[in-house]
Each structure stands twice: as C-alpha cells, then as structure tokens.
Amino acid sequence: MIGHGKPRRLLVSSLRGHEIVSSKQMLAELEDVLSRSRFELNRSQVNGYMSIVVRGSDVVAVKDLPEVVKEDPDDNVVLATAFEGRASYIVTGGRHLLVLGECCGVKIMS
C-alpha cells in the first residue's frame, strides 16, 4: 500500500495508541485522493487502506461547519471534525490551517 510518508506514520501512530478522529467528509476526501493516478493504487488497495483508517479512527458526525478558513473552505471540515471529536491536535500539511496555529482550543501542527 503506501510505503512511506505522513499517511503511513499516521496509521502507525494509531496502532501505538494515539486516537485519530475523522468524519465521513474527511474519509470521502481521503478516498478520492488515494484513488488519483499519482498514488498508483488499485481499487482493492484503496479499499484496504480505507478499511484500516476507518477501523483505527473515531468517526464523528460533523454538524456545523465554521467559516474560519476562507482561502480553502474544505479545511473547515477538518476544524469541525477536530472540534466534534474533542481532539487535542490537528496534524496537517495544509498551510491555511497551519497559519492559524490553534482554533477552538485545538492546536494545529505539521
């Protein structure tokens, strides 16, 4: 599947006891990204990876989306997911989130 990089480290982290919070919206975006040709994953590999992520995550329902990130509104799903899941941290490479540093009591880091 995915041999190196942040996605793999995220999965390893969840296996070591760190809780991962996600939402249906975030999982749908992840599946879309993994299905892109640059990852060279077939449907079975994408499904396998998604199964691992879902099993290792606390999937929360996102009720309201804040309008904090104007430059990339999709990032607001990440903020809402973290808030609903009572996360302590958001780990991201998204520059629009990183510049915030913190939102609603959730620290944002790379």
Protein backbone atom coordinates (compact mmCIF):
# COMPACT_ATOMS: atom_id res chain seq x y z
CA MET A 1 0.00 0.00 0.00
CA ILE A 2 1.51 3.33 0.99
CA GLY A 3 5.10 2.63 1.91
CA HIS A 4 6.35 5.87 3.42
CA GLY A 5 5.34 9.38 4.34
CA LYS A 6 2.76 11.00 6.55
CA PRO A 7 -0.16 8.67 5.75
CA ARG A 8 1.87 5.66 6.89
CA ARG A 9 3.10 7.47 10.01
CA LEU A 10 -0.49 8.35 10.84
CA LEU A 11 -1.52 4.70 10.70
CA VAL A 12 1.46 3.60 12.77
CA SER A 13 0.62 6.28 15.30
CA SER A 14 -2.93 4.98 15.64
CA LEU A 15 -1.62 1.48 16.20
CA ARG A 16 0.57 2.83 19.00
CA GLY A 17 -2.38 4.18 20.91
CA HIS A 18 -2.89 7.69 19.56
CA GLU A 19 -6.52 8.32 18.76
CA ILE A 20 -7.37 9.50 15.27
CA VAL A 21 -10.57 11.49 14.82
CA SER A 22 -12.19 11.63 11.40
CA SER A 23 -15.55 12.31 9.77
CA LYS A 24 -17.45 11.00 6.77
CA GLN A 25 -16.44 14.11 4.84
CA MET A 26 -12.75 13.67 5.62
CA LEU A 27 -12.87 9.95 4.79
CA ALA A 28 -14.54 10.71 1.45
CA GLU A 29 -11.80 13.20 0.61
CA LEU A 30 -9.08 10.72 1.60
CA GLU A 31 -10.61 8.04 -0.61
CA ASP A 32 -10.78 10.49 -3.51
CA VAL A 33 -7.14 11.47 -3.07
CA LEU A 34 -5.92 7.87 -2.77
CA SER A 35 -7.80 6.99 -5.97
CA ARG A 36 -5.80 9.50 -8.00
CA SER A 37 -3.33 8.11 -10.50
CA ARG A 38 -0.26 9.59 -8.80
CA PHE A 39 -0.61 7.08 -5.94
CA GLU A 40 -0.78 4.14 -8.36
CA LEU A 41 -3.15 2.21 -6.10
CA ASN A 42 -5.76 -0.14 -7.48
CA ARG A 43 -9.33 -0.20 -6.10
CA SER A 44 -8.54 -3.12 -3.79
CA GLN A 45 -5.56 -1.30 -2.28
CA VAL A 46 -7.57 1.89 -1.76
CA ASN A 47 -10.35 -0.13 -0.10
CA GLY A 48 -7.83 -1.89 2.14
CA TYR A 49 -6.23 1.36 3.21
CA MET A 50 -9.63 2.94 3.87
CA SER A 51 -10.67 -0.07 5.95
CA ILE A 52 -7.58 0.33 8.14
CA VAL A 53 -8.18 4.06 8.55
CA VAL A 54 -11.85 3.59 9.47
CA ARG A 55 -11.05 0.85 12.00
CA GLY A 56 -8.33 2.99 13.56
CA SER A 57 -10.42 6.16 13.75
CA ASP A 58 -13.15 7.61 15.88
CA VAL A 59 -15.55 8.76 13.15
CA VAL A 60 -17.62 11.70 14.36
CA ALA A 61 -20.63 13.44 12.84
CA VAL A 62 -19.91 16.99 11.74
CA LYS A 63 -22.91 19.19 12.45
CA ASP A 64 -21.90 22.75 11.68
CA LEU A 65 -19.02 23.97 9.57
CA PRO A 66 -17.25 27.06 10.83
CA GLU A 67 -16.20 29.66 8.28
CA VAL A 68 -12.70 30.13 9.63
CA VAL A 69 -10.64 29.29 6.53
CA LYS A 70 -11.84 31.47 3.67
CA GLU A 71 -8.98 30.57 1.27
CA ASP A 72 -9.78 26.84 1.33
CA PRO A 73 -13.30 26.17 2.65
CA ASP A 74 -12.69 22.39 2.60
CA ASP A 75 -10.29 22.91 5.51
CA ASN A 76 -13.25 23.95 7.65
CA VAL A 77 -14.32 20.29 7.68
CA VAL A 78 -11.03 19.47 9.42
CA LEU A 79 -11.68 22.11 12.08
CA ALA A 80 -15.25 20.93 12.64
CA THR A 81 -14.14 17.30 12.85
CA ALA A 82 -11.47 18.12 15.43
CA PHE A 83 -13.94 20.14 17.48
CA GLU A 84 -16.69 17.49 17.38
CA GLY A 85 -14.16 14.78 18.21
CA ARG A 86 -12.68 16.81 21.07
CA ALA A 87 -9.23 16.47 19.56
CA SER A 88 -6.20 17.99 21.22
CA TYR A 89 -4.27 18.44 17.98
CA ILE A 90 -4.73 18.69 14.24
CA VAL A 91 -1.74 17.30 12.35
CA THR A 92 -1.75 18.66 8.81
CA GLY A 93 0.33 19.86 5.92
CA GLY A 94 -2.37 22.35 4.94
CA ARG A 95 -0.85 25.82 5.02
CA HIS A 96 -4.22 27.53 5.54
CA LEU A 97 -4.66 25.57 8.75
CA LEU A 98 -1.05 25.80 9.89
CA VAL A 99 -1.08 29.61 9.90
CA LEU A 100 -3.89 29.51 12.46
CA GLY A 101 -1.70 27.69 15.00
CA GLU A 102 -4.77 26.99 17.12
CA CYS A 103 -8.54 27.10 16.72
CA CYS A 104 -11.29 26.44 19.27
CA GLY A 105 -8.74 25.11 21.74
CA VAL A 106 -7.24 22.66 19.23
CA LYS A 107 -3.52 23.06 18.46
CA ILE A 108 -2.60 22.84 14.78
CA MET A 109 0.80 21.47 13.76
CA SER A 110 2.63 19.75 10.91
